[in-house]
Amino acid sequence: MIAWTAKLGTREMAETGPKIMQDLTSVVHTLLQQMQDKFQTMSNQIIGKIDDMSSHIDDLEKNIVDRMTQAWVEELEGENKIPATQKS
C-alpha cells in the first residue's frame, strides 16, 4: 500500500490519503473486534470447563465424606457386637 501511494502525485495523495487511512482503520478495527470476540468465546469456554471441574470435585468430596462416614458407622457397629463365643 505504501508503494502504491508513493506513485500518486501530491494532489492525488491529498485526495486518497484520508480514504486509505479510513479503510485501514476500519480493517484494523474489524480485526481487533474479531480477536476480542474469539478471546471472549475462549474465555467463556475455559470458565465453563473450570465450573464443570469444580462440580466434579464437589461430587468427589461428597462421595469421600459419605464413604468415610459409612466406614466409621460400620466400625462402630462392629465394636458394639459381641462375638457368639463371648456371650453368657
PDB file of N, CA and C in Angstrom:
ATOM      1  N   MET A   1       0.824  -1.176   0.000  1.00  0.00           N
ATOM      2  CA  MET A   1       0.000   0.000   0.000  1.00  0.00           C
ATOM      3  C   MET A   1       0.875   1.249   0.000  1.00  0.00           C
ATOM      4  N   ILE A   2       1.987   1.236   0.677  1.00  0.00           N
ATOM      5  CA  ILE A   2       2.874   2.399   0.705  1.00  0.00           C
ATOM      6  C   ILE A   2       3.460   2.644  -0.673  1.00  0.00           C
ATOM      7  N   ALA A   3       3.864   1.568  -1.356  1.00  0.00           N
ATOM      8  CA  ALA A   3       4.414   1.723  -2.696  1.00  0.00           C
ATOM      9  C   ALA A   3       3.364   2.313  -3.629  1.00  0.00           C
ATOM     10  N   TRP A   4       2.126   1.905  -3.477  1.00  0.00           N
ATOM     11  CA  TRP A   4       1.058   2.414  -4.327  1.00  0.00           C
ATOM     12  C   TRP A   4       0.834   3.892  -4.077  1.00  0.00           C
ATOM     13  N   THR A   5       0.817   4.323  -2.830  1.00  0.00           N
ATOM     14  CA  THR A   5       0.603   5.738  -2.539  1.00  0.00           C
ATOM     15  C   THR A   5       1.797   6.578  -2.955  1.00  0.00           C
ATOM     16  N   ALA A   6       2.976   6.018  -2.995  1.00  0.00           N
ATOM     17  CA  ALA A   6       4.160   6.780  -3.390  1.00  0.00           C
ATOM     18  C   ALA A   6       4.108   7.142  -4.865  1.00  0.00           C
ATOM     19  N   LYS A   7       3.414   6.371  -5.675  1.00  0.00           N
ATOM     20  CA  LYS A   7       3.322   6.641  -7.098  1.00  0.00           C
ATOM     21  C   LYS A   7       2.343   7.768  -7.410  1.00  0.00           C
ATOM     22  N   LEU A   8       1.465   8.079  -6.484  1.00  0.00           N
ATOM     23  CA  LEU A   8       0.491   9.133  -6.716  1.00  0.00           C
ATOM     24  C   LEU A   8       1.151  10.508  -6.578  1.00  0.00           C
ATOM     25  N   GLY A   9       0.597  11.471  -7.262  1.00  0.00           N
ATOM     26  CA  GLY A   9       1.079  12.838  -7.111  1.00  0.00           C
ATOM     27  C   GLY A   9       0.571  13.432  -5.805  1.00  0.00           C
ATOM     28  N   THR A  10       1.015  14.631  -5.488  1.00  0.00           N
ATOM     29  CA  THR A  10       0.638  15.291  -4.246  1.00  0.00           C
ATOM     30  C   THR A  10      -0.863  15.492  -4.147  1.00  0.00           C
ATOM     31  N   ARG A  11      -1.470  15.925  -5.233  1.00  0.00           N
ATOM     32  CA  ARG A  11      -2.913  16.154  -5.223  1.00  0.00           C
ATOM     33  C   ARG A  11      -3.690  14.858  -5.025  1.00  0.00           C
ATOM     34  N   GLU A  12      -3.280  13.808  -5.744  1.00  0.00           N
ATOM     35  CA  GLU A  12      -3.950  12.511  -5.608  1.00  0.00           C
ATOM     36  C   GLU A  12      -3.778  11.960  -4.188  1.00  0.00           C
ATOM     37  N   MET A  13      -2.591  12.163  -3.609  1.00  0.00           N
ATOM     38  CA  MET A  13      -2.349  11.687  -2.244  1.00  0.00           C
ATOM     39  C   MET A  13      -3.231  12.440  -1.261  1.00  0.00           C
ATOM     40  N   ALA A  14      -3.396  13.712  -1.473  1.00  0.00           N
ATOM     41  CA  ALA A  14      -4.236  14.513  -0.588  1.00  0.00           C
ATOM     42  C   ALA A  14      -5.687  14.056  -0.672  1.00  0.00           C
ATOM     43  N   GLU A  15      -6.107  13.623  -1.860  1.00  0.00           N
ATOM     44  CA  GLU A  15      -7.489  13.191  -2.040  1.00  0.00           C
ATOM     45  C   GLU A  15      -7.708  11.753  -1.548  1.00  0.00           C
ATOM     46  N   THR A  16      -6.751  10.869  -1.811  1.00  0.00           N
ATOM     47  CA  THR A  16      -6.936   9.450  -1.470  1.00  0.00           C
ATOM     48  C   THR A  16      -6.364   9.085  -0.106  1.00  0.00           C
ATOM     49  N   GLY A  17      -5.450   9.871   0.427  1.00  0.00           N
ATOM     50  CA  GLY A  17      -4.821   9.564   1.718  1.00  0.00           C
ATOM     51  C   GLY A  17      -5.821   9.361   2.838  1.00  0.00           C
ATOM     52  N   PRO A  18      -6.730  10.306   3.056  1.00  0.00           N
ATOM     53  CA  PRO A  18      -7.711  10.114   4.130  1.00  0.00           C
ATOM     54  C   PRO A  18      -8.593   8.881   3.915  1.00  0.00           C
ATOM     55  N   LYS A  19      -8.941   8.607   2.669  1.00  0.00           N
ATOM     56  CA  LYS A  19      -9.773   7.434   2.368  1.00  0.00           C
ATOM     57  C   LYS A  19      -9.005   6.156   2.699  1.00  0.00           C
ATOM     58  N   ILE A  20      -7.745   6.110   2.333  1.00  0.00           N
ATOM     59  CA  ILE A  20      -6.917   4.932   2.621  1.00  0.00           C
ATOM     60  C   ILE A  20      -6.783   4.755   4.129  1.00  0.00           C
ATOM     61  N   MET A  21      -6.570   5.847   4.825  1.00  0.00           N
ATOM     62  CA  MET A  21      -6.439   5.772   6.282  1.00  0.00           C
ATOM     63  C   MET A  21      -7.754   5.301   6.915  1.00  0.00           C
ATOM     64  N   GLN A  22      -8.874   5.768   6.393  1.00  0.00           N
ATOM     65  CA  GLN A  22     -10.167   5.319   6.914  1.00  0.00           C
ATOM     66  C   GLN A  22     -10.362   3.829   6.672  1.00  0.00           C
ATOM     67  N   ASP A  23      -9.992   3.391   5.454  1.00  0.00           N
ATOM     68  CA  ASP A  23     -10.115   1.970   5.131  1.00  0.00           C
ATOM     69  C   ASP A  23      -9.211   1.133   6.027  1.00  0.00           C
ATOM     70  N   LEU A  24      -7.988   1.577   6.200  1.00  0.00           N
ATOM     71  CA  LEU A  24      -7.026   0.860   7.040  1.00  0.00           C
ATOM     72  C   LEU A  24      -7.521   0.822   8.485  1.00  0.00           C
ATOM     73  N   THR A  25      -8.006   1.941   8.968  1.00  0.00           N
ATOM     74  CA  THR A  25      -8.539   1.998  10.326  1.00  0.00           C
ATOM     75  C   THR A  25      -9.711   1.045  10.483  1.00  0.00           C
ATOM     76  N   SER A  26     -10.574   0.999   9.478  1.00  0.00           N
ATOM     77  CA  SER A  26     -11.727   0.105   9.515  1.00  0.00           C
ATOM     78  C   SER A  26     -11.293  -1.361   9.544  1.00  0.00           C
ATOM     79  N   VAL A  27     -10.316  -1.701   8.727  1.00  0.00           N
ATOM     80  CA  VAL A  27      -9.820  -3.079   8.680  1.00  0.00           C
ATOM     81  C   VAL A  27      -9.206  -3.467  10.028  1.00  0.00           C
ATOM     82  N   VAL A  28      -8.378  -2.591  10.572  1.00  0.00           N
ATOM     83  CA  VAL A  28      -7.739  -2.874  11.858  1.00  0.00           C
ATOM     84  C   VAL A  28      -8.804  -3.004  12.946  1.00  0.00           C
ATOM     85  N   HIS A  29      -9.779  -2.121  12.949  1.00  0.00           N
ATOM     86  CA  HIS A  29     -10.856  -2.192  13.937  1.00  0.00           C
ATOM     87  C   HIS A  29     -11.619  -3.508  13.831  1.00  0.00           C
ATOM     88  N   THR A  30     -11.910  -3.927  12.609  1.00  0.00           N
ATOM     89  CA  THR A  30     -12.619  -5.182  12.392  1.00  0.00           C
ATOM     90  C   THR A  30     -11.800  -6.361  12.897  1.00  0.00           C
ATOM     91  N   LEU A  31     -10.513  -6.381  12.586  1.00  0.00           N
ATOM     92  CA  LEU A  31      -9.641  -7.471  13.046  1.00  0.00           C
ATOM     93  C   LEU A  31      -9.567  -7.507  14.572  1.00  0.00           C
ATOM     94  N   LEU A  32      -9.420  -6.346  15.183  1.00  0.00           N
ATOM     95  CA  LEU A  32      -9.362  -6.296  16.643  1.00  0.00           C
ATOM     96  C   LEU A  32     -10.676  -6.776  17.264  1.00  0.00           C
ATOM     97  N   GLN A  33     -11.792  -6.419  16.660  1.00  0.00           N
ATOM     98  CA  GLN A  33     -13.091  -6.860  17.166  1.00  0.00           C
ATOM     99  C   GLN A  33     -13.226  -8.376  17.048  1.00  0.00           C
ATOM    100  N   GLN A  34     -12.772  -8.928  15.919  1.00  0.00           N
ATOM    101  CA  GLN A  34     -12.820 -10.376  15.735  1.00  0.00           C
ATOM    102  C   GLN A  34     -11.948 -11.080  16.771  1.00  0.00           C
ATOM    103  N   MET A  35     -10.764 -10.536  17.011  1.00  0.00           N
ATOM    104  CA  MET A  35      -9.868 -11.114  18.012  1.00  0.00           C
ATOM    105  C   MET A  35     -10.502 -11.049  19.402  1.00  0.00           C
ATOM    106  N   GLN A  36     -11.121  -9.931  19.715  1.00  0.00           N
ATOM    107  CA  GLN A  36     -11.767  -9.784  21.017  1.00  0.00           C
ATOM    108  C   GLN A  36     -12.916 -10.786  21.155  1.00  0.00           C
ATOM    109  N   ASP A  37     -13.697 -10.964  20.107  1.00  0.00           N
ATOM    110  CA  ASP A  37     -14.800 -11.917  20.137  1.00  0.00           C
ATOM    111  C   ASP A  37     -14.290 -13.342  20.354  1.00  0.00           C
ATOM    112  N   LYS A  38     -13.227 -13.705  19.640  1.00  0.00           N
ATOM    113  CA  LYS A  38     -12.654 -15.045  19.796  1.00  0.00           C
ATOM    114  C   LYS A  38     -12.094 -15.224  21.208  1.00  0.00           C
ATOM    115  N   PHE A  39     -11.421 -14.204  21.721  1.00  0.00           N
ATOM    116  CA  PHE A  39     -10.878 -14.271  23.072  1.00  0.00           C
ATOM    117  C   PHE A  39     -12.007 -14.440  24.079  1.00  0.00           C
ATOM    118  N   GLN A  40     -13.099 -13.714  23.915  1.00  0.00           N
ATOM    119  CA  GLN A  40     -14.235 -13.809  24.829  1.00  0.00           C
ATOM    120  C   GLN A  40     -14.854 -15.202  24.770  1.00  0.00           C
ATOM    121  N   THR A  41     -14.974 -15.758  23.566  1.00  0.00           N
ATOM    122  CA  THR A  41     -15.521 -17.102  23.407  1.00  0.00           C
ATOM    123  C   THR A  41     -14.643 -18.124  24.117  1.00  0.00           C
ATOM    124  N   MET A  42     -13.333 -18.023  23.906  1.00  0.00           N
ATOM    125  CA  MET A  42     -12.407 -18.948  24.557  1.00  0.00           C
ATOM    126  C   MET A  42     -12.446 -18.774  26.067  1.00  0.00           C
ATOM    127  N   SER A  43     -12.507 -17.560  26.523  1.00  0.00           N
ATOM    128  CA  SER A  43     -12.573 -17.273  27.951  1.00  0.00           C
ATOM    129  C   SER A  43     -13.827 -17.903  28.560  1.00  0.00           C
ATOM    130  N   ASN A  44     -14.951 -17.753  27.891  1.00  0.00           N
ATOM    131  CA  ASN A  44     -16.198 -18.349  28.372  1.00  0.00           C
ATOM    132  C   ASN A  44     -16.113 -19.875  28.412  1.00  0.00           C
ATOM    133  N   GLN A  45     -15.473 -20.468  27.405  1.00  0.00           N
ATOM    134  CA  GLN A  45     -15.310 -21.914  27.377  1.00  0.00           C
ATOM    135  C   GLN A  45     -14.436 -22.383  28.541  1.00  0.00           C
ATOM    136  N   ILE A  46     -13.358 -21.663  28.800  1.00  0.00           N
ATOM    137  CA  ILE A  46     -12.458 -22.022  29.894  1.00  0.00           C
ATOM    138  C   ILE A  46     -13.189 -21.918  31.228  1.00  0.00           C
ATOM    139  N   ILE A  47     -13.922 -20.845  31.418  1.00  0.00           N
ATOM    140  CA  ILE A  47     -14.674 -20.672  32.666  1.00  0.00           C
ATOM    141  C   ILE A  47     -15.705 -21.781  32.823  1.00  0.00           C
ATOM    142  N   GLY A  48     -16.353 -22.150  31.730  1.00  0.00           N
ATOM    143  CA  GLY A  48     -17.315 -23.255  31.774  1.00  0.00           C
ATOM    144  C   GLY A  48     -16.659 -24.563  32.183  1.00  0.00           C
ATOM    145  N   LYS A  49     -15.476 -24.836  31.647  1.00  0.00           N
ATOM    146  CA  LYS A  49     -14.763 -26.069  31.995  1.00  0.00           C
ATOM    147  C   LYS A  49     -14.308 -26.046  33.448  1.00  0.00           C
ATOM    148  N   ILE A  50     -13.885 -24.883  33.928  1.00  0.00           N
ATOM    149  CA  ILE A  50     -13.489 -24.757  35.333  1.00  0.00           C
ATOM    150  C   ILE A  50     -14.699 -25.004  36.232  1.00  0.00           C
ATOM    151  N   ASP A  51     -15.854 -24.470  35.854  1.00  0.00           N
ATOM    152  CA  ASP A  51     -17.082 -24.709  36.624  1.00  0.00           C
ATOM    153  C   ASP A  51     -17.427 -26.195  36.650  1.00  0.00           C
ATOM    154  N   ASP A  52     -17.290 -26.866  35.508  1.00  0.00           N
ATOM    155  CA  ASP A  52     -17.547 -28.311  35.445  1.00  0.00           C
ATOM    156  C   ASP A  52     -16.594 -29.075  36.358  1.00  0.00           C
ATOM    157  N   MET A  53     -15.309 -28.715  36.306  1.00  0.00           N
ATOM    158  CA  MET A  53     -14.327 -29.376  37.161  1.00  0.00           C
ATOM    159  C   MET A  53     -14.646 -29.141  38.626  1.00  0.00           C
ATOM    160  N   SER A  54     -15.057 -27.946  38.967  1.00  0.00           N
ATOM    161  CA  SER A  54     -15.420 -27.630  40.347  1.00  0.00           C
ATOM    162  C   SER A  54     -16.585 -28.499  40.805  1.00  0.00           C
ATOM    163  N   SER A  55     -17.550 -28.675  39.941  1.00  0.00           N
ATOM    164  CA  SER A  55     -18.697 -29.514  40.267  1.00  0.00           C
ATOM    165  C   SER A  55     -18.259 -30.966  40.483  1.00  0.00           C
ATOM    166  N   HIS A  56     -17.374 -31.462  39.631  1.00  0.00           N
ATOM    167  CA  HIS A  56     -16.867 -32.828  39.777  1.00  0.00           C
ATOM    168  C   HIS A  56     -16.084 -32.979  41.085  1.00  0.00           C
ATOM    169  N   ILE A  57     -15.304 -31.984  41.427  1.00  0.00           N
ATOM    170  CA  ILE A  57     -14.537 -32.035  42.679  1.00  0.00           C
ATOM    171  C   ILE A  57     -15.483 -32.038  43.873  1.00  0.00           C
ATOM    172  N   ASP A  58     -16.528 -31.218  43.814  1.00  0.00           N
ATOM    173  CA  ASP A  58     -17.523 -31.209  44.894  1.00  0.00           C
ATOM    174  C   ASP A  58     -18.168 -32.580  45.046  1.00  0.00           C
ATOM    175  N   ASP A  59     -18.500 -33.216  43.914  1.00  0.00           N
ATOM    176  CA  ASP A  59     -19.087 -34.557  43.955  1.00  0.00           C
ATOM    177  C   ASP A  59     -18.113 -35.569  44.569  1.00  0.00           C
ATOM    178  N   LEU A  60     -16.845 -35.476  44.190  1.00  0.00           N
ATOM    179  CA  LEU A  60     -15.838 -36.380  44.749  1.00  0.00           C
ATOM    180  C   LEU A  60     -15.702 -36.186  46.250  1.00  0.00           C
ATOM    181  N   GLU A  61     -15.664 -34.935  46.692  1.00  0.00           N
ATOM    182  CA  GLU A  61     -15.566 -34.659  48.125  1.00  0.00           C
ATOM    183  C   GLU A  61     -16.755 -35.238  48.874  1.00  0.00           C
ATOM    184  N   LYS A  62     -17.949 -35.068  48.314  1.00  0.00           N
ATOM    185  CA  LYS A  62     -19.155 -35.611  48.952  1.00  0.00           C
ATOM    186  C   LYS A  62     -19.072 -37.132  49.031  1.00  0.00           C
ATOM    187  N   ASN A  63     -18.631 -37.768  47.956  1.00  0.00           N
ATOM    188  CA  ASN A  63     -18.509 -39.226  47.955  1.00  0.00           C
ATOM    189  C   ASN A  63     -17.490 -39.704  48.980  1.00  0.00           C
ATOM    190  N   ILE A  64     -16.388 -38.991  49.106  1.00  0.00           N
ATOM    191  CA  ILE A  64     -15.357 -39.361  50.082  1.00  0.00           C
ATOM    192  C   ILE A  64     -15.911 -39.251  51.502  1.00  0.00           C
ATOM    193  N   VAL A  65     -16.605 -38.144  51.779  1.00  0.00           N
ATOM    194  CA  VAL A  65     -17.202 -37.957  53.110  1.00  0.00           C
ATOM    195  C   VAL A  65     -18.227 -39.054  53.381  1.00  0.00           C
ATOM    196  N   ASP A  66     -19.058 -39.355  52.390  1.00  0.00           N
ATOM    197  CA  ASP A  66     -20.063 -40.417  52.563  1.00  0.00           C
ATOM    198  C   ASP A  66     -19.400 -41.761  52.857  1.00  0.00           C
ATOM    199  N   ARG A  67     -18.339 -42.079  52.142  1.00  0.00           N
ATOM    200  CA  ARG A  67     -17.637 -43.361  52.337  1.00  0.00           C
ATOM    201  C   ARG A  67     -16.969 -43.407  53.706  1.00  0.00           C
ATOM    202  N   MET A  68     -16.357 -42.284  54.093  1.00  0.00           N
ATOM    203  CA  MET A  68     -15.710 -42.248  55.408  1.00  0.00           C
ATOM    204  C   MET A  68     -16.746 -42.390  56.523  1.00  0.00           C
ATOM    205  N   THR A  69     -17.894 -41.733  56.354  1.00  0.00           N
ATOM    206  CA  THR A  69     -18.962 -41.841  57.348  1.00  0.00           C
ATOM    207  C   THR A  69     -19.486 -43.266  57.408  1.00  0.00           C
ATOM    208  N   GLN A  70     -19.679 -43.871  56.263  1.00  0.00           N
ATOM    209  CA  GLN A  70     -20.162 -45.250  56.206  1.00  0.00           C
ATOM    210  C   GLN A  70     -19.164 -46.190  56.885  1.00  0.00           C
ATOM    211  N   ALA A  71     -17.879 -46.015  56.592  1.00  0.00           N
ATOM    212  CA  ALA A  71     -16.853 -46.860  57.206  1.00  0.00           C
ATOM    213  C   ALA A  71     -16.820 -46.655  58.721  1.00  0.00           C
ATOM    214  N   TRP A  72     -16.984 -45.420  59.168  1.00  0.00           N
ATOM    215  CA  TRP A  72     -16.967 -45.114  60.597  1.00  0.00           C
ATOM    216  C   TRP A  72     -18.161 -45.768  61.302  1.00  0.00           C
ATOM    217  N   VAL A  73     -19.355 -45.667  60.679  1.00  0.00           N
ATOM    218  CA  VAL A  73     -20.548 -46.291  61.248  1.00  0.00           C
ATOM    219  C   VAL A  73     -20.365 -47.806  61.311  1.00  0.00           C
ATOM    220  N   GLU A  74     -19.846 -48.407  60.269  1.00  0.00           N
ATOM    221  CA  GLU A  74     -19.625 -49.855  60.250  1.00  0.00           C
ATOM    222  C   GLU A  74     -18.620 -50.261  61.310  1.00  0.00           C
ATOM    223  N   GLU A  75     -17.617 -49.433  61.530  1.00  0.00           N
ATOM    224  CA  GLU A  75     -16.610 -49.724  62.554  1.00  0.00           C
ATOM    225  C   GLU A  75     -17.248 -49.666  63.947  1.00  0.00           C
ATOM    226  N   LEU A  76     -18.089 -48.651  64.174  1.00  0.00           N
ATOM    227  CA  LEU A  76     -18.774 -48.552  65.465  1.00  0.00           C
ATOM    228  C   LEU A  76     -19.716 -49.728  65.689  1.00  0.00           C
ATOM    229  N   GLU A  77     -20.433 -50.109  64.662  1.00  0.00           N
ATOM    230  CA  GLU A  77     -21.333 -51.255  64.770  1.00  0.00           C
ATOM    231  C   GLU A  77     -20.553 -52.526  65.060  1.00  0.00           C
ATOM    232  N   GLY A  78     -19.389 -52.671  64.447  1.00  0.00           N
ATOM    233  CA  GLY A  78     -18.548 -53.851  64.678  1.00  0.00           C
ATOM    234  C   GLY A  78     -18.014 -53.896  66.089  1.00  0.00           C
ATOM    235  N   GLU A  79     -17.698 -52.748  66.684  1.00  0.00           N
ATOM    236  CA  GLU A  79     -17.196 -52.700  68.052  1.00  0.00           C
ATOM    237  C   GLU A  79     -18.289 -53.030  69.052  1.00  0.00           C
ATOM    238  N   ASN A  80     -19.531 -52.720  68.733  1.00  0.00           N
ATOM    239  CA  ASN A  80     -20.639 -52.964  69.646  1.00  0.00           C
ATOM    240  C   ASN A  80     -21.152 -54.407  69.594  1.00  0.00           C
ATOM    241  N   LYS A  81     -20.748 -55.150  68.614  1.00  0.00           N
ATOM    242  CA  LYS A  81     -21.191 -56.539  68.510  1.00  0.00           C
ATOM    243  C   LYS A  81     -20.301 -57.416  69.386  1.00  0.00           C
ATOM    244  N   ILE A  82     -20.925 -58.325  70.080  1.00  0.00           N
ATOM    245  CA  ILE A  82     -20.183 -59.262  70.904  1.00  0.00           C
ATOM    246  C   ILE A  82     -20.162 -60.592  70.162  1.00  0.00           C
ATOM    247  N   PRO A  83     -18.957 -61.138  69.961  1.00  0.00           N
ATOM    248  CA  PRO A  83     -18.880 -62.432  69.259  1.00  0.00           C
ATOM    249  C   PRO A  83     -19.674 -63.506  70.017  1.00  0.00           C
ATOM    250  N   ALA A  84     -20.172 -64.491  69.316  1.00  0.00           N
ATOM    251  CA  ALA A  84     -21.006 -65.548  69.880  1.00  0.00           C
ATOM    252  C   ALA A  84     -20.265 -66.313  70.979  1.00  0.00           C
ATOM    253  N   THR A  85     -18.964 -66.480  70.892  1.00  0.00           N
ATOM    254  CA  THR A  85     -18.193 -67.238  71.873  1.00  0.00           C
ATOM    255  C   THR A  85     -18.093 -66.508  73.203  1.00  0.00           C
ATOM    256  N   GLN A  86     -18.291 -65.182  73.237  1.00  0.00           N
ATOM    257  CA  GLN A  86     -18.167 -64.409  74.448  1.00  0.00           C
ATOM    258  C   GLN A  86     -19.519 -64.180  75.123  1.00  0.00           C
ATOM    259  N   LYS A  87     -20.616 -64.573  74.537  1.00  0.00           N
ATOM    260  CA  LYS A  87     -21.939 -64.391  75.132  1.00  0.00           C
ATOM    261  C   LYS A  87     -22.097 -65.302  76.337  1.00  0.00           C
ATOM    262  N   SER A  88     -22.820 -64.825  77.334  1.00  0.00           N
ATOM    263  CA  SER A  88     -23.003 -65.646  78.528  1.00  0.00           C
ATOM    264  C   SER A  88     -24.234 -66.492  78.480  1.00  0.00           C
TER     265      SER A  88
END
